[in-house]
C-alpha atoms as a PDB file:
ATOM      1  CA  MET A   1     -33.830  29.881  40.323  1.00  0.00           C
ATOM      2  CA  ALA A   2     -30.193  29.109  40.422  1.00  0.00           C
ATOM      3  CA  ARG A   3     -27.714  30.903  42.719  1.00  0.00           C
ATOM      4  CA  PRO A   4     -25.584  34.292  41.793  1.00  0.00           C
ATOM      5  CA  THR A   5     -21.818  33.255  41.823  1.00  0.00           C
ATOM      6  CA  THR A   6     -18.479  35.306  41.081  1.00  0.00           C
ATOM      7  CA  THR A   7     -16.060  32.841  40.062  1.00  0.00           C
ATOM      8  CA  SER A   8     -12.119  34.514  40.494  1.00  0.00           C
ATOM      9  CA  ALA A   9     -11.458  33.959  36.783  1.00  0.00           C
ATOM     10  CA  LYS A  10     -14.534  36.336  35.810  1.00  0.00           C
ATOM     11  CA  THR A  11     -14.487  38.613  38.216  1.00  0.00           C
ATOM     12  CA  GLY A  12     -11.041  39.315  39.468  1.00  0.00           C
ATOM     13  CA  SER A  13     -10.899  42.542  40.658  1.00  0.00           C
ATOM     14  CA  GLU A  14     -13.678  42.129  43.269  1.00  0.00           C
ATOM     15  CA  ARG A  15     -12.055  39.221  44.554  1.00  0.00           C
ATOM     16  CA  GLN A  16      -8.396  40.434  44.365  1.00  0.00           C
ATOM     17  CA  ALA A  17      -9.483  43.218  46.845  1.00  0.00           C
ATOM     18  CA  GLU A  18     -11.400  40.996  49.682  1.00  0.00           C
ATOM     19  CA  GLU A  19      -9.086  38.082  49.465  1.00  0.00           C
ATOM     20  CA  ALA A  20      -6.128  39.932  49.474  1.00  0.00           C
ATOM     21  CA  LYS A  21      -6.587  41.512  52.873  1.00  0.00           C
ATOM     22  CA  ALA A  22      -7.307  37.948  54.250  1.00  0.00           C
ATOM     23  CA  HIS A  23      -4.600  36.749  52.703  1.00  0.00           C
ATOM     24  CA  GLY A  24      -1.700  39.064  51.897  1.00  0.00           C
ATOM     25  CA  GLY A  25      -1.542  37.989  48.058  1.00  0.00           C
ATOM     26  CA  ALA A  26      -3.868  36.656  45.048  1.00  0.00           C
ATOM     27  CA  ALA A  27      -4.407  35.923  40.900  1.00  0.00           C
ATOM     28  CA  GLU A  28      -6.643  35.061  38.806  1.00  0.00           C
ATOM     29  CA  ALA A  29      -7.502  31.706  36.879  1.00  0.00           C
ATOM     30  CA  PRO A  30      -7.236  31.546  33.235  1.00  0.00           C
ATOM     31  CA  PRO A  31      -5.255  34.156  31.567  1.00  0.00           C
ATOM     32  CA  ARG A  32      -7.528  37.129  30.136  1.00  0.00           C
ATOM     33  CA  ALA A  33      -6.702  38.856  27.296  1.00  0.00           C
ATOM     34  CA  GLY A  34      -3.078  40.845  27.008  1.00  0.00           C
ATOM     35  CA  GLU A  35      -1.972  38.773  30.292  1.00  0.00           C
ATOM     36  CA  ALA A  36       0.839  36.405  29.889  1.00  0.00           C
ATOM     37  CA  LYS A  37      -0.059  32.755  30.637  1.00  0.00           C
ATOM     38  CA  ALA A  38       0.314  30.809  33.934  1.00  0.00           C
ATOM     39  CA  PRO A  39       3.386  28.663  34.302  1.00  0.00           C
ATOM     40  CA  GLY A  40       2.961  24.965  32.612  1.00  0.00           C
ATOM     41  CA  ARG A  41       4.790  22.205  33.628  1.00  0.00           C
ATOM     42  CA  ALA A  42       7.205  20.161  31.330  1.00  0.00           C
ATOM     43  CA  SER A  43       5.850  16.520  32.125  1.00  0.00           C
ATOM     44  CA  PRO A  44       3.358  16.178  34.854  1.00  0.00           C
ATOM     45  CA  ALA A  45       3.037  13.258  36.789  1.00  0.00           C
ATOM     46  CA  GLU A  46       0.225  11.473  39.035  1.00  0.00           C
ATOM     47  CA  ALA A  47       1.152  13.012  42.238  1.00  0.00           C
ATOM     48  CA  PRO A  48       0.132  10.722  45.286  1.00  0.00           C
ATOM     49  CA  ARG A  49      -2.905  11.583  47.203  1.00  0.00           C
ATOM     50  CA  GLY A  50      -2.545  12.731  50.950  1.00  0.00           C
ATOM     51  CA  PRO A  51      -4.209  14.288  53.555  1.00  0.00           C
ATOM     52  CA  GLY A  52      -6.819  17.748  53.197  1.00  0.00           C
ATOM     53  CA  ARG A  53      -3.753  19.733  54.572  1.00  0.00           C
ATOM     54  CA  ALA A  54      -0.006  20.090  52.903  1.00  0.00           C
ATOM     55  CA  LYS A  55       2.493  20.001  55.609  1.00  0.00           C
ATOM     56  CA  VAL A  56       5.970  22.230  55.497  1.00  0.00           C
ATOM     57  CA  PRO A  57       8.109  23.545  57.513  1.00  0.00           C
ATOM     58  CA  ASP A  58       8.009  26.081  60.551  1.00  0.00           C
ATOM     59  CA  GLY A  59       8.910  29.252  59.240  1.00  0.00           C
ATOM     60  CA  ALA A  60       8.890  28.317  55.326  1.00  0.00           C
ATOM     61  CA  GLY A  61       7.729  31.342  53.789  1.00  0.00           C
ATOM     62  CA  GLN A  62       8.320  34.111  56.642  1.00  0.00           C
ATOM     63  CA  ALA A  63      11.867  34.897  55.755  1.00  0.00           C
ATOM     64  CA  GLU A  64      12.462  38.446  55.168  1.00  0.00           C
ATOM     65  CA  ALA A  65      12.010  39.470  50.639  1.00  0.00           C
ATOM     66  CA  SER A  66      13.811  38.024  46.441  1.00  0.00           C
ATOM     67  CA  GLY A  67      14.632  37.158  40.447  1.00  0.00           C
ATOM     68  CA  ASP A  68      15.428  33.959  38.120  1.00  0.00           C
ATOM     69  CA  ALA A  69      17.676  31.512  38.683  1.00  0.00           C
ATOM     70  CA  GLU A  70      18.234  27.811  37.811  1.00  0.00           C
ATOM     71  CA  ARG A  71      19.805  26.328  40.536  1.00  0.00           C
ATOM     72  CA  GLY A  72      21.111  29.245  42.488  1.00  0.00           C
ATOM     73  CA  LYS A  73      22.231  31.309  39.536  1.00  0.00           C
ATOM     74  CA  ALA A  74      21.408  34.513  39.526  1.00  0.00           C
ATOM     75  CA  PRO A  75      18.607  36.612  37.501  1.00  0.00           C
ATOM     76  CA  PRO A  76      19.672  39.008  35.243  1.00  0.00           C
ATOM     77  CA  PRO A  77      20.523  42.381  37.499  1.00  0.00           C
ATOM     78  CA  ALA A  78      17.930  45.236  37.653  1.00  0.00           C
ATOM     79  CA  ALA A  79      18.079  48.571  38.940  1.00  0.00           C
ATOM     80  CA  ARG A  80      17.860  49.223  42.158  1.00  0.00           C
ATOM     81  CA  ALA A  81      16.983  45.400  42.978  1.00  0.00           C
ATOM     82  CA  VAL A  82      17.846  45.347  46.847  1.00  0.00           C
ATOM     83  CA  GLY A  83      16.150  41.241  47.245  1.00  0.00           C
ATOM     84  CA  ILE A  84      14.645  38.829  45.999  1.00  0.00           C
ATOM     85  CA  TYR A  85      10.844  38.612  46.689  1.00  0.00           C
ATOM     86  CA  VAL A  86       9.730  34.752  47.533  1.00  0.00           C
ATOM     87  CA  TYR A  87       5.687  34.280  46.658  1.00  0.00           C
ATOM     88  CA  GLY A  88       5.874  30.294  47.431  1.00  0.00           C
ATOM     89  CA  VAL A  89       7.183  27.188  46.255  1.00  0.00           C
ATOM     90  CA  VAL A  90       6.471  24.839  42.490  1.00  0.00           C
ATOM     91  CA  PRO A  91       7.478  22.094  41.444  1.00  0.00           C
ATOM     92  CA  ALA A  92      11.253  22.312  39.768  1.00  0.00           C
ATOM     93  CA  ASP A  93      10.126  21.037  36.177  1.00  0.00           C
ATOM     94  CA  VAL A  94       7.873  24.302  36.115  1.00  0.00           C
ATOM     95  CA  GLU A  95       8.207  26.023  32.543  1.00  0.00           C
ATOM     96  CA  LEU A  96       7.782  29.981  33.375  1.00  0.00           C
ATOM     97  CA  THR A  97       7.110  32.702  30.978  1.00  0.00           C
ATOM     98  CA  PRO A  98       8.804  35.639  32.508  1.00  0.00           C
ATOM     99  CA  GLU A  99       7.181  38.624  32.984  1.00  0.00           C
ATOM    100  CA  PRO A 100       7.227  42.467  35.165  1.00  0.00           C
ATOM    101  CA  ARG A 101       4.097  41.535  37.298  1.00  0.00           C
ATOM    102  CA  GLY A 102       5.822  41.483  40.809  1.00  0.00           C
ATOM    103  CA  VAL A 103       5.570  42.714  43.854  1.00  0.00           C
ATOM    104  CA  GLY A 104       6.781  46.550  43.462  1.00  0.00           C
ATOM    105  CA  GLU A 105       7.423  49.431  41.894  1.00  0.00           C
ATOM    106  CA  PRO A 106       8.300  49.310  39.264  1.00  0.00           C
ATOM    107  CA  PRO A 107       7.360  45.818  39.326  1.00  0.00           C
ATOM    108  CA  GLY A 108       9.881  42.748  39.083  1.00  0.00           C
ATOM    109  CA  GLU A 109      10.315  40.024  36.290  1.00  0.00           C
ATOM    110  CA  ILE A 110       8.900  36.838  37.647  1.00  0.00           C
ATOM    111  CA  GLY A 111      11.302  33.763  37.617  1.00  0.00           C
ATOM    112  CA  LEU A 112      12.684  30.700  39.684  1.00  0.00           C
ATOM    113  CA  VAL A 113      15.186  29.600  41.980  1.00  0.00           C
ATOM    114  CA  ARG A 114      15.245  25.916  41.843  1.00  0.00           C
ATOM    115  CA  HIS A 115      16.897  23.198  43.957  1.00  0.00           C
ATOM    116  CA  GLY A 116      16.654  19.436  43.456  1.00  0.00           C
ATOM    117  CA  ASP A 117      12.903  18.776  42.535  1.00  0.00           C
ATOM    118  CA  VAL A 118      11.236  21.857  44.022  1.00  0.00           C
ATOM    119  CA  ALA A 119      11.526  25.843  42.814  1.00  0.00           C
ATOM    120  CA  ALA A 120      10.960  29.234  44.685  1.00  0.00           C
ATOM    121  CA  LEU A 121       8.556  31.513  42.335  1.00  0.00           C
ATOM    122  CA  VAL A 122      10.697  35.100  43.224  1.00  0.00           C
ATOM    123  CA  SER A 123      11.052  38.340  41.471  1.00  0.00           C
ATOM    124  CA  PRO A 124      13.725  41.272  42.023  1.00  0.00           C
ATOM    125  CA  LEU A 125      12.731  43.744  44.832  1.00  0.00           C
ATOM    126  CA  HIS A 126      12.284  47.499  43.783  1.00  0.00           C
ATOM    127  CA  VAL A 127      12.845  49.861  46.580  1.00  0.00           C
ATOM    128  CA  THR A 128      11.029  53.195  44.998  1.00  0.00           C
ATOM    129  CA  ARG A 129       8.273  52.973  47.452  1.00  0.00           C
ATOM    130  CA  PRO A 130       7.903  50.551  51.027  1.00  0.00           C
ATOM    131  CA  ILE A 131       5.911  47.604  49.715  1.00  0.00           C
ATOM    132  CA  GLY A 132       2.826  46.474  51.629  1.00  0.00           C
ATOM    133  CA  LYS A 133       0.444  48.796  49.768  1.00  0.00           C
ATOM    134  CA  PRO A 134      -2.660  47.282  48.207  1.00  0.00           C
ATOM    135  CA  GLN A 135      -1.575  46.622  44.654  1.00  0.00           C
ATOM    136  CA  ASP A 136       1.142  45.013  45.939  1.00  0.00           C
ATOM    137  CA  LEU A 137      -0.903  42.882  48.492  1.00  0.00           C
ATOM    138  CA  VAL A 138      -3.112  42.036  45.199  1.00  0.00           C
ATOM    139  CA  ALA A 139      -0.373  41.333  42.874  1.00  0.00           C
ATOM    140  CA  HIS A 140       1.409  38.759  45.790  1.00  0.00           C
ATOM    141  CA  GLN A 141      -2.317  37.080  45.436  1.00  0.00           C
ATOM    142  CA  GLN A 142      -2.972  37.041  41.857  1.00  0.00           C
ATOM    143  CA  LEU A 143       0.233  35.665  41.025  1.00  0.00           C
ATOM    144  CA  LEU A 144       0.043  32.811  43.238  1.00  0.00           C
ATOM    145  CA  ASP A 145      -3.848  31.786  42.082  1.00  0.00           C
ATOM    146  CA  ASP A 146      -3.092  32.283  38.761  1.00  0.00           C
ATOM    147  CA  VAL A 147      -0.018  29.553  38.967  1.00  0.00           C
ATOM    148  CA  ALA A 148      -2.561  27.307  41.340  1.00  0.00           C
ATOM    149  CA  THR A 149      -4.474  27.011  38.242  1.00  0.00           C
ATOM    150  CA  GLU A 150      -1.878  25.375  36.328  1.00  0.00           C
ATOM    151  CA  VAL A 151       0.758  23.705  39.104  1.00  0.00           C
ATOM    152  CA  PRO A 152       0.281  23.053  42.300  1.00  0.00           C
ATOM    153  CA  VAL A 153       2.125  25.665  44.836  1.00  0.00           C
ATOM    154  CA  LEU A 154       2.892  26.509  48.494  1.00  0.00           C
ATOM    155  CA  PRO A 155       1.979  30.006  49.291  1.00  0.00           C
ATOM    156  CA  PHE A 156       3.988  32.037  51.013  1.00  0.00           C
ATOM    157  CA  ARG A 157       2.760  34.735  53.404  1.00  0.00           C
ATOM    158  CA  PHE A 158       3.077  38.511  51.882  1.00  0.00           C
ATOM    159  CA  GLY A 159       6.613  40.036  52.577  1.00  0.00           C
ATOM    160  CA  ALA A 160       8.871  37.122  52.158  1.00  0.00           C
ATOM    161  CA  VAL A 161      12.020  38.740  51.178  1.00  0.00           C
ATOM    162  CA  LEU A 162      15.958  37.100  50.791  1.00  0.00           C
ATOM    163  CA  GLU A 163      18.956  38.851  49.967  1.00  0.00           C
ATOM    164  CA  SER A 164      20.260  36.371  47.055  1.00  0.00           C
ATOM    165  CA  PRO A 165      19.249  33.449  45.080  1.00  0.00           C
ATOM    166  CA  GLU A 166      22.445  31.363  46.672  1.00  0.00           C
ATOM    167  CA  ALA A 167      20.336  32.876  50.174  1.00  0.00           C
ATOM    168  CA  ILE A 168      16.999  31.373  48.925  1.00  0.00           C
ATOM    169  CA  VAL A 169      18.605  27.601  47.921  1.00  0.00           C
ATOM    170  CA  GLY A 170      20.397  27.764  51.129  1.00  0.00           C
ATOM    171  CA  GLU A 171      18.350  28.706  53.661  1.00  0.00           C
ATOM    172  CA  LEU A 172      15.074  27.925  52.087  1.00  0.00           C
ATOM    173  CA  LEU A 173      15.326  24.814  49.551  1.00  0.00           C
ATOM    174  CA  THR A 174      18.014  23.056  51.112  1.00  0.00           C
ATOM    175  CA  PRO A 175      16.954  22.377  54.692  1.00  0.00           C
ATOM    176  CA  HIS A 176      13.321  22.093  53.118  1.00  0.00           C
ATOM    177  CA  HIS A 177      13.620  20.149  50.183  1.00  0.00           C
ATOM    178  CA  ASP A 178      11.554  17.016  51.307  1.00  0.00           C
ATOM    179  CA  GLN A 179       9.016  18.753  53.241  1.00  0.00           C
ATOM    180  CA  PHE A 180       8.158  20.686  49.908  1.00  0.00           C
ATOM    181  CA  ALA A 181       7.990  18.087  47.869  1.00  0.00           C
ATOM    182  CA  SER A 182       6.009  16.371  50.028  1.00  0.00           C
ATOM    183  CA  ALA A 183       3.565  18.746  50.629  1.00  0.00           C
ATOM    184  CA  LEU A 184       3.556  19.665  46.795  1.00  0.00           C
ATOM    185  CA  ALA A 185       2.446  15.946  45.714  1.00  0.00           C
ATOM    186  CA  GLU A 186      -0.402  16.020  48.222  1.00  0.00           C
ATOM    187  CA  LEU A 187      -1.370  19.400  46.630  1.00  0.00           C
ATOM    188  CA  GLU A 188      -1.064  18.212  43.326  1.00  0.00           C
ATOM    189  CA  GLY A 189      -4.473  18.385  40.957  1.00  0.00           C
ATOM    190  CA  ARG A 190      -6.301  20.164  43.858  1.00  0.00           C
ATOM    191  CA  VAL A 191      -7.066  24.007  44.028  1.00  0.00           C
ATOM    192  CA  GLN A 192      -8.979  25.917  46.581  1.00  0.00           C
ATOM    193  CA  PHE A 193     -12.436  27.790  46.651  1.00  0.00           C
ATOM    194  CA  VAL A 194     -13.674  29.899  48.641  1.00  0.00           C
ATOM    195  CA  VAL A 195     -17.784  29.626  49.432  1.00  0.00           C
ATOM    196  CA  LYS A 196     -19.369  33.266  51.428  1.00  0.00           C
ATOM    197  CA  ALA A 197     -22.517  33.040  51.697  1.00  0.00           C
ATOM    198  CA  ARG A 198     -24.553  36.634  53.163  1.00  0.00           C
ATOM    199  CA  TYR A 199     -28.276  36.218  54.475  1.00  0.00           C
ATOM    200  CA  ASP A 200     -30.984  38.637  53.194  1.00  0.00           C
ATOM    201  CA  GLU A 201     -30.979  41.205  55.540  1.00  0.00           C
ATOM    202  CA  HIS A 202     -34.706  41.348  55.909  1.00  0.00           C
ATOM    203  CA  THR A 203     -35.494  37.551  55.468  1.00  0.00           C
ATOM    204  CA  VAL A 204     -33.243  36.585  58.348  1.00  0.00           C
ATOM    205  CA  LEU A 205     -34.633  39.388  60.536  1.00  0.00           C
ATOM    206  CA  ARG A 206     -37.911  38.026  59.911  1.00  0.00           C
ATOM    207  CA  GLU A 207     -37.001  34.314  60.483  1.00  0.00           C
ATOM    208  CA  VAL A 208     -35.456  35.599  63.760  1.00  0.00           C
ATOM    209  CA  LEU A 209     -38.943  37.513  64.653  1.00  0.00           C
ATOM    210  CA  VAL A 210     -41.084  34.516  64.124  1.00  0.00           C
ATOM    211  CA  GLU A 211     -38.511  31.931  66.025  1.00  0.00           C
ATOM    212  CA  ARG A 212     -37.922  34.440  69.583  1.00  0.00           C
ATOM    213  CA  PRO A 213     -40.947  35.886  70.346  1.00  0.00           C
ATOM    214  CA  GLU A 214     -39.019  37.757  73.465  1.00  0.00           C
ATOM    215  CA  ALA A 215     -37.769  39.854  70.374  1.00  0.00           C
ATOM    216  CA  ALA A 216     -40.704  40.425  68.544  1.00  0.00           C
ATOM    217  CA  ARG A 217     -42.877  41.809  71.742  1.00  0.00           C
ATOM    218  CA  MET A 218     -39.980  43.719  72.575  1.00  0.00           C
ATOM    219  CA  ARG A 219     -39.570  45.534  68.579  1.00  0.00           C
ATOM    220  CA  ASP A 220     -43.350  45.784  68.816  1.00  0.00           C
ATOM    221  CA  GLN A 221     -42.542  47.491  72.690  1.00  0.00           C
ATOM    222  CA  ILE A 222     -39.942  50.333  71.231  1.00  0.00           C
ATOM    223  CA  ARG A 223     -41.589  50.620  67.816  1.00  0.00           C
ATOM    224  CA  ASP A 224     -43.319  53.965  68.731  1.00  0.00           C
ATOM    225  CA  LEU A 225     -41.020  55.158  71.273  1.00  0.00           C
ATOM    226  CA  PRO A 226     -38.430  57.891  71.120  1.00  0.00           C
ATOM    227  CA  GLU A 227     -35.303  56.713  70.936  1.00  0.00           C
ATOM    228  CA  ASP A 228     -33.624  58.147  74.432  1.00  0.00           C
ATOM    229  CA  ALA A 229     -36.961  56.374  76.037  1.00  0.00           C
ATOM    230  CA  SER A 230     -36.208  52.963  74.496  1.00  0.00           C
ATOM    231  CA  TRP A 231     -31.867  52.893  74.872  1.00  0.00           C
ATOM    232  CA  ASP A 232     -31.462  49.754  76.637  1.00  0.00           C
ATOM    233  CA  ALA A 233     -34.300  47.548  75.094  1.00  0.00           C
ATOM    234  CA  ARG A 234     -32.474  48.753  71.747  1.00  0.00           C
ATOM    235  CA  ILE A 235     -29.653  47.156  72.840  1.00  0.00           C
ATOM    236  CA  ARG A 236     -31.317  43.960  74.329  1.00  0.00           C
ATOM    237  CA  LEU A 237     -33.335  43.860  71.051  1.00  0.00           C
ATOM    238  CA  GLY A 238     -29.885  43.961  69.394  1.00  0.00           C
ATOM    239  CA  GLU A 239     -28.454  41.263  71.365  1.00  0.00           C
ATOM    240  CA  LEU A 240     -31.458  39.057  71.248  1.00  0.00           C
ATOM    241  CA  VAL A 241     -30.776  39.307  67.190  1.00  0.00           C
ATOM    242  CA  ASN A 242     -27.184  38.786  66.847  1.00  0.00           C
ATOM    243  CA  GLU A 243     -27.660  35.757  69.047  1.00  0.00           C
ATOM    244  CA  ALA A 244     -30.282  33.839  67.015  1.00  0.00           C
ATOM    245  CA  ILE A 245     -28.045  35.284  63.887  1.00  0.00           C
ATOM    246  CA  GLU A 246     -24.992  33.236  65.353  1.00  0.00           C
ATOM    247  CA  ALA A 247     -27.106  30.207  65.724  1.00  0.00           C
ATOM    248  CA  LYS A 248     -28.622  30.466  61.969  1.00  0.00           C
ATOM    249  CA  ARG A 249     -25.089  30.846  61.362  1.00  0.00           C
ATOM    250  CA  ASP A 250     -23.361  27.879  62.836  1.00  0.00           C
ATOM    251  CA  ALA A 251     -26.505  25.571  61.419  1.00  0.00           C
ATOM    252  CA  ASP A 252     -25.943  27.191  57.607  1.00  0.00           C
ATOM    253  CA  THR A 253     -22.131  26.409  57.956  1.00  0.00           C
ATOM    254  CA  ARG A 254     -22.743  23.030  59.448  1.00  0.00           C
ATOM    255  CA  THR A 255     -25.165  22.429  56.599  1.00  0.00           C
ATOM    256  CA  LEU A 256     -23.021  23.715  53.667  1.00  0.00           C
ATOM    257  CA  ALA A 257     -20.136  22.368  54.991  1.00  0.00           C
ATOM    258  CA  GLU A 258     -21.630  18.771  54.865  1.00  0.00           C
ATOM    259  CA  GLY A 259     -23.441  19.323  52.025  1.00  0.00           C
ATOM    260  CA  LEU A 260     -20.350  20.129  49.762  1.00  0.00           C
ATOM    261  CA  ALA A 261     -17.914  17.230  51.664  1.00  0.00           C
ATOM    262  CA  PRO A 262     -18.725  14.515  49.232  1.00  0.00           C
ATOM    263  CA  HIS A 263     -17.299  16.502  46.576  1.00  0.00           C
ATOM    264  CA  ALA A 264     -13.956  18.065  48.255  1.00  0.00           C
ATOM    265  CA  VAL A 265     -10.680  16.840  49.753  1.00  0.00           C
ATOM    266  CA  ALA A 266     -11.090  18.750  52.388  1.00  0.00           C
ATOM    267  CA  ILE A 267     -12.966  21.974  53.933  1.00  0.00           C
ATOM    268  CA  ALA A 268     -11.928  24.592  55.630  1.00  0.00           C
ATOM    269  CA  ILE A 269     -14.704  26.872  58.263  1.00  0.00           C
ATOM    270  CA  ARG A 270     -13.804  30.557  58.213  1.00  0.00           C
ATOM    271  CA  PRO A 271     -14.663  32.870  60.642  1.00  0.00           C
ATOM    272  CA  PRO A 272     -17.295  35.607  59.330  1.00  0.00           C
ATOM    273  CA  THR A 273     -16.173  38.704  58.052  1.00  0.00           C
ATOM    274  CA  HIS A 274     -19.661  40.341  58.030  1.00  0.00           C
ATOM    275  CA  GLU A 275     -22.308  40.422  60.279  1.00  0.00           C
ATOM    276  CA  GLU A 276     -24.850  38.832  58.076  1.00  0.00           C
ATOM    277  CA  ASP A 277     -22.064  36.044  56.994  1.00  0.00           C
ATOM    278  CA  ALA A 278     -24.436  32.795  56.979  1.00  0.00           C
ATOM    279  CA  ALA A 279     -21.416  30.863  56.662  1.00  0.00           C
ATOM    280  CA  HIS A 280     -17.346  30.942  55.120  1.00  0.00           C
ATOM    281  CA  LEU A 281     -15.415  28.381  53.955  1.00  0.00           C
ATOM    282  CA  ALA A 282     -12.556  27.618  52.023  1.00  0.00           C
ATOM    283  CA  VAL A 283     -12.868  24.175  49.722  1.00  0.00           C
ATOM    284  CA  LEU A 284     -10.126  22.042  48.568  1.00  0.00           C
ATOM    285  CA  VAL A 285     -11.343  20.139  45.513  1.00  0.00           C
ATOM    286  CA  GLU A 286      -9.921  17.974  43.197  1.00  0.00           C
ATOM    287  CA  THR A 287      -9.575  19.987  39.476  1.00  0.00           C
ATOM    288  CA  GLU A 288     -11.010  16.891  37.518  1.00  0.00           C
ATOM    289  CA  ARG A 289     -13.866  17.132  40.142  1.00  0.00           C
ATOM    290  CA  GLN A 290     -14.805  21.290  39.691  1.00  0.00           C
ATOM    291  CA  ALA A 291     -17.965  20.296  37.657  1.00  0.00           C
ATOM    292  CA  GLU A 292     -19.478  17.970  40.387  1.00  0.00           C
ATOM    293  CA  PHE A 293     -18.796  20.315  43.174  1.00  0.00           C
ATOM    294  CA  GLU A 294     -19.921  23.424  41.620  1.00  0.00           C
ATOM    295  CA  GLU A 295     -23.254  21.541  40.530  1.00  0.00           C
ATOM    296  CA  ALA A 296     -23.356  20.909  44.443  1.00  0.00           C
ATOM    297  CA  LEU A 297     -23.339  24.338  45.434  1.00  0.00           C
ATOM    298  CA  ASP A 298     -26.107  25.077  42.469  1.00  0.00           C
ATOM    299  CA  GLY A 299     -28.396  22.980  44.660  1.00  0.00           C
ATOM    300  CA  PHE A 300     -27.785  25.228  47.770  1.00  0.00           C
ATOM    301  CA  GLY A 301     -28.470  28.684  45.539  1.00  0.00           C
ATOM    302  CA  VAL A 302     -32.111  27.074  44.549  1.00  0.00           C
ATOM    303  CA  ARG A 303     -32.560  25.786  48.172  1.00  0.00           C
ATOM    304  CA  TRP A 304     -31.523  29.043  49.786  1.00  0.00           C
ATOM    305  CA  ASP A 305     -32.955  31.439  46.976  1.00  0.00           C
ATOM    306  CA  GLY A 306     -34.266  34.610  48.453  1.00  0.00           C
ATOM    307  CA  ARG A 307     -32.673  33.498  51.647  1.00  0.00           C
ATOM    308  CA  ILE A 308     -28.909  33.819  51.573  1.00  0.00           C
ATOM    309  CA  THR A 309     -27.261  34.955  48.748  1.00  0.00           C
ATOM    310  CA  LEU A 310     -23.944  32.195  47.573  1.00  0.00           C
ATOM    311  CA  ARG A 311     -20.820  33.718  46.347  1.00  0.00           C
ATOM    312  CA  LEU A 312     -17.833  31.263  44.613  1.00  0.00           C
ATOM    313  CA  LEU A 313     -14.072  32.621  44.847  1.00  0.00           C
ATOM    314  CA  GLY A 314     -11.419  31.212  42.947  1.00  0.00           C
ATOM    315  CA  PRO A 315      -9.947  29.003  41.764  1.00  0.00           C
ATOM    316  CA  GLN A 316      -6.909  30.292  44.396  1.00  0.00           C
ATOM    317  CA  ALA A 317      -3.810  29.248  45.761  1.00  0.00           C
ATOM    318  CA  PRO A 318      -4.750  26.164  48.629  1.00  0.00           C
ATOM    319  CA  TYR A 319      -4.049  29.311  51.896  1.00  0.00           C
ATOM    320  CA  ASP A 320      -6.033  27.242  54.263  1.00  0.00           C
ATOM    321  CA  PHE A 321      -5.067  23.981  53.595  1.00  0.00           C
ATOM    322  CA  VAL A 322      -0.776  24.366  54.154  1.00  0.00           C
ATOM    323  CA  GLN A 323      -0.043  23.058  57.418  1.00  0.00           C
ATOM    324  CA  THR A 324       2.943  23.973  59.321  1.00  0.00           C
ATOM    325  CA  ARG A 325       4.302  21.717  62.106  1.00  0.00           C
ATOM    326  CA  GLN A 326       3.435  24.108  64.895  1.00  0.00           C
ATOM    327  CA  GLU A 327      -0.369  24.073  63.854  1.00  0.00           C
ATOM    328  CA  MET A 328      -0.265  20.306  63.742  1.00  0.00           C
END
């Protein structure tokens, strides 16, 4: 029996809620009915293959909020626009169909500010209310994830705002042009997926009691005792179970990462988000090898059937594989 798989392309709302919390931003891969198509390329070229994490300059993507412009030319003015929200950086040859789906209320129209070989993905920011609500985080991430299915993108953290297209060119794109271009080249033809593995509660508890005789004995001793008379023992039992699950998580995470590594460019191990998490991985995958990667994951679904539930989220922007100099 194959694993249950949840891909962002099919269940966007679930992924958006989870991943927006983690990264402050996301989008689905193929456009759904009624949605505009993600950006395309004027003439894609074969990009050089570099290391698994693209390097961008310190502070890039952390400017404070930003419209559509070509080479610094301001986009059409929008009512109550107070800045330009910046989602990330893409190659300058991207062709974009403007649509009102950006951060803010009302949503700003998506556009580009181009400079040399790179362009900032932007929208005018309106201030009828402060940004930072869940729908803003989802809009940020959803746009980036949609773009990532078509072209390489360097995602910025949520909340990057600059005052004008000229500021974007002068303060962001010009001083960091070469680093952005190099990082985008490394990400050409690659997307991120997130693999979430969750233990079946009853199955993992049975494993712990079999493997940890002390925990099994303690469970039997306190089973019929009142809670107030066995409080300390119950706390100790909980500690034993948590320690055992942590050890299992470490082992299963390592097994899953090693099994997927031959089918991926790079793998980043994320911290657990739930006490029953068995593994939480971000995986950078060549788009041409996506089917191969998913087949390898299916193999783990069969192997762990009834013990661990696997879920696949993506494709996404490469949030876990963009590295600043500070992180190096």
